[in-house]
């Protein structure tokens, strides 16, 4: 069995990321640090959503994702910062 600790990247710079991963690895714990901002980002892509909703095309899904991201960007960043 292996222990893994997840942390969302949430706009972290490289220095805190390195500290996080190094400390866990030194303790024998596996770090799972997301590449995008958060874990949910792995599921918010055209291919994945299309696999769940095959009636909607990948380009249309990607268009909707861009629209939703644009419309909520300020609120999202504000929520993370606060």
PDB file of N, CA and C in Angstrom:
ATOM      1  N   UNK A   1       0.850  -1.170   0.000  1.00  0.00           N
ATOM      2  CA  UNK A   1       0.000   0.000   0.000  1.00  0.00           C
ATOM      3  C   UNK A   1       0.894   1.231   0.000  1.00  0.00           C
ATOM      4  N   UNK A   2       0.412   2.287  -0.685  1.00  0.00           N
ATOM      5  CA  UNK A   2       1.187   3.528  -0.747  1.00  0.00           C
ATOM      6  C   UNK A   2       0.272   4.709  -0.449  1.00  0.00           C
ATOM      7  N   UNK A   3       0.744   5.617   0.353  1.00  0.00           N
ATOM      8  CA  UNK A   3       0.000   6.821   0.689  1.00  0.00           C
ATOM      9  C   UNK A   3       0.315   7.904  -0.335  1.00  0.00           C
ATOM     10  N   UNK A   4      -0.735   8.536  -0.848  1.00  0.00           N
ATOM     11  CA  UNK A   4      -0.584   9.630  -1.804  1.00  0.00           C
ATOM     12  C   UNK A   4      -1.377  10.819  -1.273  1.00  0.00           C
ATOM     13  N   UNK A   5      -0.773  12.000  -1.329  1.00  0.00           N
ATOM     14  CA  UNK A   5      -1.437  13.229  -0.884  1.00  0.00           C
ATOM     15  C   UNK A   5      -1.684  14.113  -2.097  1.00  0.00           C
ATOM     16  N   UNK A   6      -2.933  14.519  -2.251  1.00  0.00           N
ATOM     17  CA  UNK A   6      -3.319  15.377  -3.375  1.00  0.00           C
ATOM     18  C   UNK A   6      -3.364  16.832  -2.937  1.00  0.00           C
ATOM     19  N   UNK A   7      -2.913  17.680  -3.847  1.00  0.00           N
ATOM     20  CA  UNK A   7      -3.041  19.124  -3.639  1.00  0.00           C
ATOM     21  C   UNK A   7      -3.285  19.768  -4.996  1.00  0.00           C
ATOM     22  N   UNK A   8      -4.266  20.641  -5.047  1.00  0.00           N
ATOM     23  CA  UNK A   8      -4.512  21.396  -6.269  1.00  0.00           C
ATOM     24  C   UNK A   8      -3.400  22.421  -6.444  1.00  0.00           C
ATOM     25  N   UNK A   9      -2.997  22.623  -7.688  1.00  0.00           N
ATOM     26  CA  UNK A   9      -1.934  23.591  -7.953  1.00  0.00           C
ATOM     27  C   UNK A   9      -2.402  25.016  -7.666  1.00  0.00           C
ATOM     28  N   UNK A  10      -3.624  25.354  -8.048  1.00  0.00           N
ATOM     29  CA  UNK A  10      -4.222  26.660  -7.751  1.00  0.00           C
ATOM     30  C   UNK A  10      -3.244  27.828  -7.852  1.00  0.00           C
ATOM     31  N   UNK A  11      -2.633  27.969  -8.995  1.00  0.00           N
ATOM     32  CA  UNK A  11      -1.766  29.108  -9.301  1.00  0.00           C
ATOM     33  C   UNK A  11      -0.496  29.165  -8.457  1.00  0.00           C
ATOM     34  N   UNK A  12      -0.062  28.040  -7.898  1.00  0.00           N
ATOM     35  CA  UNK A  12       1.183  28.034  -7.136  1.00  0.00           C
ATOM     36  C   UNK A  12       2.368  28.189  -8.084  1.00  0.00           C
ATOM     37  N   UNK A  13       3.348  28.927  -7.650  1.00  0.00           N
ATOM     38  CA  UNK A  13       4.575  29.041  -8.433  1.00  0.00           C
ATOM     39  C   UNK A  13       5.400  27.767  -8.222  1.00  0.00           C
ATOM     40  N   UNK A  14       6.495  27.654  -8.945  1.00  0.00           N
ATOM     41  CA  UNK A  14       7.306  26.441  -8.887  1.00  0.00           C
ATOM     42  C   UNK A  14       7.951  26.212  -7.515  1.00  0.00           C
ATOM     43  N   UNK A  15       8.325  27.267  -6.811  1.00  0.00           N
ATOM     44  CA  UNK A  15       9.011  27.104  -5.513  1.00  0.00           C
ATOM     45  C   UNK A  15       8.145  26.361  -4.485  1.00  0.00           C
ATOM     46  N   UNK A  16       6.894  26.781  -4.233  1.00  0.00           N
ATOM     47  CA  UNK A  16       6.072  26.037  -3.272  1.00  0.00           C
ATOM     48  C   UNK A  16       5.761  24.614  -3.741  1.00  0.00           C
ATOM     49  N   UNK A  17       5.667  24.437  -5.051  1.00  0.00           N
ATOM     50  CA  UNK A  17       5.418  23.104  -5.598  1.00  0.00           C
ATOM     51  C   UNK A  17       6.594  22.184  -5.270  1.00  0.00           C
ATOM     52  N   UNK A  18       7.803  22.702  -5.441  1.00  0.00           N
ATOM     53  CA  UNK A  18       9.003  21.913  -5.150  1.00  0.00           C
ATOM     54  C   UNK A  18       9.072  21.557  -3.671  1.00  0.00           C
ATOM     55  N   UNK A  19       8.779  22.509  -2.803  1.00  0.00           N
ATOM     56  CA  UNK A  19       8.787  22.251  -1.350  1.00  0.00           C
ATOM     57  C   UNK A  19       7.768  21.172  -1.015  1.00  0.00           C
ATOM     58  N   UNK A  20       6.563  21.281  -1.559  1.00  0.00           N
ATOM     59  CA  UNK A  20       5.498  20.313  -1.303  1.00  0.00           C
ATOM     60  C   UNK A  20       5.921  18.912  -1.724  1.00  0.00           C
ATOM     61  N   UNK A  21       6.381  18.775  -2.945  1.00  0.00           N
ATOM     62  CA  UNK A  21       6.723  17.440  -3.452  1.00  0.00           C
ATOM     63  C   UNK A  21       7.954  16.863  -2.753  1.00  0.00           C
ATOM     64  N   UNK A  22       8.955  17.687  -2.498  1.00  0.00           N
ATOM     65  CA  UNK A  22      10.181  17.213  -1.846  1.00  0.00           C
ATOM     66  C   UNK A  22       9.897  16.699  -0.441  1.00  0.00           C
ATOM     67  N   UNK A  23       9.138  17.457   0.334  1.00  0.00           N
ATOM     68  CA  UNK A  23       8.830  17.049   1.710  1.00  0.00           C
ATOM     69  C   UNK A  23       8.077  15.730   1.741  1.00  0.00           C
ATOM     70  N   UNK A  24       7.111  15.578   0.862  1.00  0.00           N
ATOM     71  CA  UNK A  24       6.349  14.330   0.843  1.00  0.00           C
ATOM     72  C   UNK A  24       7.214  13.156   0.396  1.00  0.00           C
ATOM     73  N   UNK A  25       7.984  13.355  -0.662  1.00  0.00           N
ATOM     74  CA  UNK A  25       8.842  12.276  -1.161  1.00  0.00           C
ATOM     75  C   UNK A  25       9.861  11.835  -0.114  1.00  0.00           C
ATOM     76  N   UNK A  26      10.408  12.789   0.654  1.00  0.00           N
ATOM     77  CA  UNK A  26      11.375  12.455   1.711  1.00  0.00           C
ATOM     78  C   UNK A  26      10.726  11.618   2.814  1.00  0.00           C
ATOM     79  N   UNK A  27       9.418  11.784   2.974  1.00  0.00           N
ATOM     80  CA  UNK A  27       8.689  11.016   3.985  1.00  0.00           C
ATOM     81  C   UNK A  27       8.120   9.710   3.418  1.00  0.00           C
ATOM     82  N   UNK A  28       8.417   9.429   2.152  1.00  0.00           N
ATOM     83  CA  UNK A  28       7.929   8.203   1.539  1.00  0.00           C
ATOM     84  C   UNK A  28       6.480   8.286   1.089  1.00  0.00           C
ATOM     85  N   UNK A  29       5.997   9.497   0.942  1.00  0.00           N
ATOM     86  CA  UNK A  29       4.612   9.728   0.529  1.00  0.00           C
ATOM     87  C   UNK A  29       4.621  10.218  -0.913  1.00  0.00           C
ATOM     88  N   UNK A  30       3.678   9.741  -1.701  1.00  0.00           N
ATOM     89  CA  UNK A  30       3.589  10.156  -3.094  1.00  0.00           C
ATOM     90  C   UNK A  30       2.787  11.432  -3.252  1.00  0.00           C
ATOM     91  N   UNK A  31       3.364  12.463  -3.839  1.00  0.00           N
ATOM     92  CA  UNK A  31       2.605  13.689  -4.080  1.00  0.00           C
ATOM     93  C   UNK A  31       1.785  13.566  -5.367  1.00  0.00           C
ATOM     94  N   UNK A  32       0.580  14.057  -5.330  1.00  0.00           N
ATOM     95  CA  UNK A  32      -0.248  14.162  -6.532  1.00  0.00           C
ATOM     96  C   UNK A  32      -0.626  15.623  -6.658  1.00  0.00           C
ATOM     97  N   UNK A  33       0.170  16.345  -7.412  1.00  0.00           N
ATOM     98  CA  UNK A  33      -0.051  17.766  -7.619  1.00  0.00           C
ATOM     99  C   UNK A  33      -0.585  17.947  -9.029  1.00  0.00           C
ATOM    100  N   UNK A  34      -1.714  18.567  -9.142  1.00  0.00           N
ATOM    101  CA  UNK A  34      -2.344  18.707 -10.442  1.00  0.00           C
ATOM    102  C   UNK A  34      -1.543  19.604 -11.369  1.00  0.00           C
ATOM    103  N   UNK A  35      -1.538  19.271 -12.655  1.00  0.00           N
ATOM    104  CA  UNK A  35      -0.922  20.150 -13.654  1.00  0.00           C
ATOM    105  C   UNK A  35      -1.800  21.360 -13.900  1.00  0.00           C
ATOM    106  N   UNK A  36      -3.086  21.108 -14.199  1.00  0.00           N
ATOM    107  CA  UNK A  36      -3.951  22.293 -14.261  1.00  0.00           C
ATOM    108  C   UNK A  36      -4.169  22.808 -12.842  1.00  0.00           C
ATOM    109  N   UNK A  37      -5.027  23.756 -12.707  1.00  0.00           N
ATOM    110  CA  UNK A  37      -5.258  24.360 -11.394  1.00  0.00           C
ATOM    111  C   UNK A  37      -5.808  23.398 -10.359  1.00  0.00           C
ATOM    112  N   UNK A  38      -6.760  22.564 -10.751  1.00  0.00           N
ATOM    113  CA  UNK A  38      -7.365  21.669  -9.769  1.00  0.00           C
ATOM    114  C   UNK A  38      -7.705  20.328 -10.389  1.00  0.00           C
ATOM    115  N   UNK A  39      -8.050  19.377  -9.544  1.00  0.00           N
ATOM    116  CA  UNK A  39      -8.337  18.017  -9.985  1.00  0.00           C
ATOM    117  C   UNK A  39      -9.478  17.970 -10.991  1.00  0.00           C
ATOM    118  N   UNK A  40     -10.468  18.808 -10.795  1.00  0.00           N
ATOM    119  CA  UNK A  40     -11.613  18.820 -11.697  1.00  0.00           C
ATOM    120  C   UNK A  40     -11.216  19.168 -13.132  1.00  0.00           C
ATOM    121  N   UNK A  41     -10.131  19.892 -13.290  1.00  0.00           N
ATOM    122  CA  UNK A  41      -9.677  20.278 -14.622  1.00  0.00           C
ATOM    123  C   UNK A  41      -9.350  19.075 -15.498  1.00  0.00           C
ATOM    124  N   UNK A  42      -8.983  17.961 -14.892  1.00  0.00           N
ATOM    125  CA  UNK A  42      -8.697  16.759 -15.670  1.00  0.00           C
ATOM    126  C   UNK A  42      -9.946  16.240 -16.383  1.00  0.00           C
ATOM    127  N   UNK A  43     -11.094  16.563 -15.848  1.00  0.00           N
ATOM    128  CA  UNK A  43     -12.345  16.070 -16.419  1.00  0.00           C
ATOM    129  C   UNK A  43     -13.035  17.095 -17.302  1.00  0.00           C
ATOM    130  N   UNK A  44     -12.567  18.340 -17.265  1.00  0.00           N
ATOM    131  CA  UNK A  44     -13.177  19.399 -18.073  1.00  0.00           C
ATOM    132  C   UNK A  44     -12.433  19.558 -19.386  1.00  0.00           C
ATOM    133  N   UNK A  45     -12.611  18.591 -20.244  1.00  0.00           N
ATOM    134  CA  UNK A  45     -12.029  18.665 -21.584  1.00  0.00           C
ATOM    135  C   UNK A  45     -13.010  18.055 -22.572  1.00  0.00           C
ATOM    136  N   UNK A  46     -12.887  18.454 -23.800  1.00  0.00           N
ATOM    137  CA  UNK A  46     -13.846  18.052 -24.821  1.00  0.00           C
ATOM    138  C   UNK A  46     -13.982  16.554 -24.983  1.00  0.00           C
ATOM    139  N   UNK A  47     -12.872  15.850 -24.996  1.00  0.00           N
ATOM    140  CA  UNK A  47     -12.912  14.398 -25.209  1.00  0.00           C
ATOM    141  C   UNK A  47     -13.650  13.683 -24.075  1.00  0.00           C
ATOM    142  N   UNK A  48     -13.328  14.052 -22.844  1.00  0.00           N
ATOM    143  CA  UNK A  48     -13.974  13.392 -21.707  1.00  0.00           C
ATOM    144  C   UNK A  48     -15.478  13.690 -21.679  1.00  0.00           C
ATOM    145  N   UNK A  49     -15.836  14.939 -21.840  1.00  0.00           N
ATOM    146  CA  UNK A  49     -17.262  15.292 -21.795  1.00  0.00           C
ATOM    147  C   UNK A  49     -18.000  14.665 -22.973  1.00  0.00           C
ATOM    148  N   UNK A  50     -17.362  14.612 -24.130  1.00  0.00           N
ATOM    149  CA  UNK A  50     -17.979  13.966 -25.295  1.00  0.00           C
ATOM    150  C   UNK A  50     -18.235  12.482 -25.029  1.00  0.00           C
ATOM    151  N   UNK A  51     -17.318  11.821 -24.331  1.00  0.00           N
ATOM    152  CA  UNK A  51     -17.516  10.401 -24.025  1.00  0.00           C
ATOM    153  C   UNK A  51     -18.744  10.190 -23.138  1.00  0.00           C
ATOM    154  N   UNK A  52     -19.085  11.198 -22.355  1.00  0.00           N
ATOM    155  CA  UNK A  52     -20.272  11.128 -21.500  1.00  0.00           C
ATOM    156  C   UNK A  52     -21.528  11.628 -22.210  1.00  0.00           C
ATOM    157  N   UNK A  53     -21.338  12.460 -23.238  1.00  0.00           N
ATOM    158  CA  UNK A  53     -22.442  13.066 -23.994  1.00  0.00           C
ATOM    159  C   UNK A  53     -22.139  12.976 -25.491  1.00  0.00           C
ATOM    160  N   UNK A  54     -22.199  11.773 -26.067  1.00  0.00           N
ATOM    161  CA  UNK A  54     -21.777  11.600 -27.450  1.00  0.00           C
ATOM    162  C   UNK A  54     -22.598  12.383 -28.471  1.00  0.00           C
ATOM    163  N   UNK A  55     -23.767  12.851 -28.105  1.00  0.00           N
ATOM    164  CA  UNK A  55     -24.593  13.627 -29.043  1.00  0.00           C
ATOM    165  C   UNK A  55     -24.025  15.031 -29.276  1.00  0.00           C
ATOM    166  N   UNK A  56     -23.145  15.485 -28.404  1.00  0.00           N
ATOM    167  CA  UNK A  56     -22.559  16.824 -28.538  1.00  0.00           C
ATOM    168  C   UNK A  56     -21.130  16.655 -29.061  1.00  0.00           C
ATOM    169  N   UNK A  57     -20.799  17.386 -30.108  1.00  0.00           N
ATOM    170  CA  UNK A  57     -19.477  17.247 -30.724  1.00  0.00           C
ATOM    171  C   UNK A  57     -18.378  17.815 -29.828  1.00  0.00           C
ATOM    172  N   UNK A  58     -17.164  17.301 -30.012  1.00  0.00           N
ATOM    173  CA  UNK A  58     -16.014  17.796 -29.258  1.00  0.00           C
ATOM    174  C   UNK A  58     -15.792  19.286 -29.504  1.00  0.00           C
ATOM    175  N   UNK A  59     -15.829  19.764 -30.770  1.00  0.00           N
ATOM    176  CA  UNK A  59     -15.638  21.209 -30.973  1.00  0.00           C
ATOM    177  C   UNK A  59     -16.688  22.056 -30.252  1.00  0.00           C
ATOM    178  N   UNK A  60     -17.933  21.598 -30.235  1.00  0.00           N
ATOM    179  CA  UNK A  60     -18.982  22.364 -29.538  1.00  0.00           C
ATOM    180  C   UNK A  60     -18.733  22.367 -28.035  1.00  0.00           C
ATOM    181  N   UNK A  61     -18.332  21.254 -27.501  1.00  0.00           N
ATOM    182  CA  UNK A  61     -18.032  21.174 -26.065  1.00  0.00           C
ATOM    183  C   UNK A  61     -16.878  22.109 -25.725  1.00  0.00           C
ATOM    184  N   UNK A  62     -15.831  22.099 -26.541  1.00  0.00           N
ATOM    185  CA  UNK A  62     -14.685  22.974 -26.286  1.00  0.00           C
ATOM    186  C   UNK A  62     -15.086  24.441 -26.364  1.00  0.00           C
ATOM    187  N   UNK A  63     -15.970  24.756 -27.292  1.00  0.00           N
ATOM    188  CA  UNK A  63     -16.485  26.126 -27.398  1.00  0.00           C
ATOM    189  C   UNK A  63     -17.236  26.521 -26.128  1.00  0.00           C
ATOM    190  N   UNK A  64     -18.056  25.618 -25.623  1.00  0.00           N
ATOM    191  CA  UNK A  64     -18.818  25.892 -24.393  1.00  0.00           C
ATOM    192  C   UNK A  64     -17.892  26.014 -23.180  1.00  0.00           C
ATOM    193  N   UNK A  65     -16.849  25.200 -23.129  1.00  0.00           N
ATOM    194  CA  UNK A  65     -15.893  25.289 -22.024  1.00  0.00           C
ATOM    195  C   UNK A  65     -15.169  26.631 -22.025  1.00  0.00           C
ATOM    196  N   UNK A  66     -14.760  27.080 -23.198  1.00  0.00           N
ATOM    197  CA  UNK A  66     -14.101  28.391 -23.308  1.00  0.00           C
ATOM    198  C   UNK A  66     -15.055  29.497 -22.876  1.00  0.00           C
ATOM    199  N   UNK A  67     -16.287  29.415 -23.334  1.00  0.00           N
ATOM    200  CA  UNK A  67     -17.285  30.419 -22.963  1.00  0.00           C
ATOM    201  C   UNK A  67     -17.507  30.443 -21.452  1.00  0.00           C
ATOM    202  N   UNK A  68     -17.675  29.282 -20.858  1.00  0.00           N
ATOM    203  CA  UNK A  68     -17.913  29.208 -19.412  1.00  0.00           C
ATOM    204  C   UNK A  68     -16.710  29.718 -18.626  1.00  0.00           C
ATOM    205  N   UNK A  69     -15.515  29.372 -19.079  1.00  0.00           N
ATOM    206  CA  UNK A  69     -14.292  29.824 -18.407  1.00  0.00           C
ATOM    207  C   UNK A  69     -14.149  31.340 -18.488  1.00  0.00           C
ATOM    208  N   UNK A  70     -14.403  31.876 -19.654  1.00  0.00           N
ATOM    209  CA  UNK A  70     -14.308  33.322 -19.853  1.00  0.00           C
ATOM    210  C   UNK A  70     -15.316  34.062 -18.980  1.00  0.00           C
ATOM    211  N   UNK A  71     -16.543  33.556 -18.960  1.00  0.00           N
ATOM    212  CA  UNK A  71     -17.601  34.234 -18.207  1.00  0.00           C
ATOM    213  C   UNK A  71     -17.407  34.167 -16.700  1.00  0.00           C
ATOM    214  N   UNK A  72     -16.675  33.183 -16.216  1.00  0.00           N
ATOM    215  CA  UNK A  72     -16.531  33.021 -14.768  1.00  0.00           C
ATOM    216  C   UNK A  72     -15.107  33.272 -14.258  1.00  0.00           C
ATOM    217  N   UNK A  73     -14.201  33.676 -15.146  1.00  0.00           N
ATOM    218  CA  UNK A  73     -12.784  33.823 -14.771  1.00  0.00           C
ATOM    219  C   UNK A  73     -12.572  34.748 -13.579  1.00  0.00           C
ATOM    220  N   UNK A  74     -13.144  35.932 -13.618  1.00  0.00           N
ATOM    221  CA  UNK A  74     -12.921  36.884 -12.526  1.00  0.00           C
ATOM    222  C   UNK A  74     -13.434  36.351 -11.197  1.00  0.00           C
ATOM    223  N   UNK A  75     -14.617  35.754 -11.200  1.00  0.00           N
ATOM    224  CA  UNK A  75     -15.170  35.214  -9.962  1.00  0.00           C
ATOM    225  C   UNK A  75     -14.329  34.059  -9.444  1.00  0.00           C
ATOM    226  N   UNK A  76     -13.827  33.233 -10.332  1.00  0.00           N
ATOM    227  CA  UNK A  76     -13.010  32.093  -9.919  1.00  0.00           C
ATOM    228  C   UNK A  76     -11.721  32.530  -9.257  1.00  0.00           C
ATOM    229  N   UNK A  77     -11.023  33.454  -9.881  1.00  0.00           N
ATOM    230  CA  UNK A  77      -9.765  33.941  -9.316  1.00  0.00           C
ATOM    231  C   UNK A  77     -10.025  34.656  -7.997  1.00  0.00           C
ATOM    232  N   UNK A  78     -11.068  35.443  -7.947  1.00  0.00           N
ATOM    233  CA  UNK A  78     -11.424  36.139  -6.694  1.00  0.00           C
ATOM    234  C   UNK A  78     -11.690  35.144  -5.566  1.00  0.00           C
ATOM    235  N   UNK A  79     -12.380  34.072  -5.866  1.00  0.00           N
ATOM    236  CA  UNK A  79     -12.686  33.065  -4.846  1.00  0.00           C
ATOM    237  C   UNK A  79     -11.431  32.390  -4.346  1.00  0.00           C
ATOM    238  N   UNK A  80     -10.482  32.122  -5.238  1.00  0.00           N
ATOM    239  CA  UNK A  80      -9.237  31.459  -4.836  1.00  0.00           C
ATOM    240  C   UNK A  80      -8.374  32.398  -4.010  1.00  0.00           C
ATOM    241  N   UNK A  81      -8.274  33.634  -4.418  1.00  0.00           N
ATOM    242  CA  UNK A  81      -7.432  34.606  -3.725  1.00  0.00           C
ATOM    243  C   UNK A  81      -7.995  34.931  -2.347  1.00  0.00           C
ATOM    244  N   UNK A  82      -9.294  35.001  -2.253  1.00  0.00           N
ATOM    245  CA  UNK A  82      -9.905  35.330  -0.963  1.00  0.00           C
ATOM    246  C   UNK A  82     -10.062  34.103  -0.108  1.00  0.00           C
TER     247      UNK A  82
END
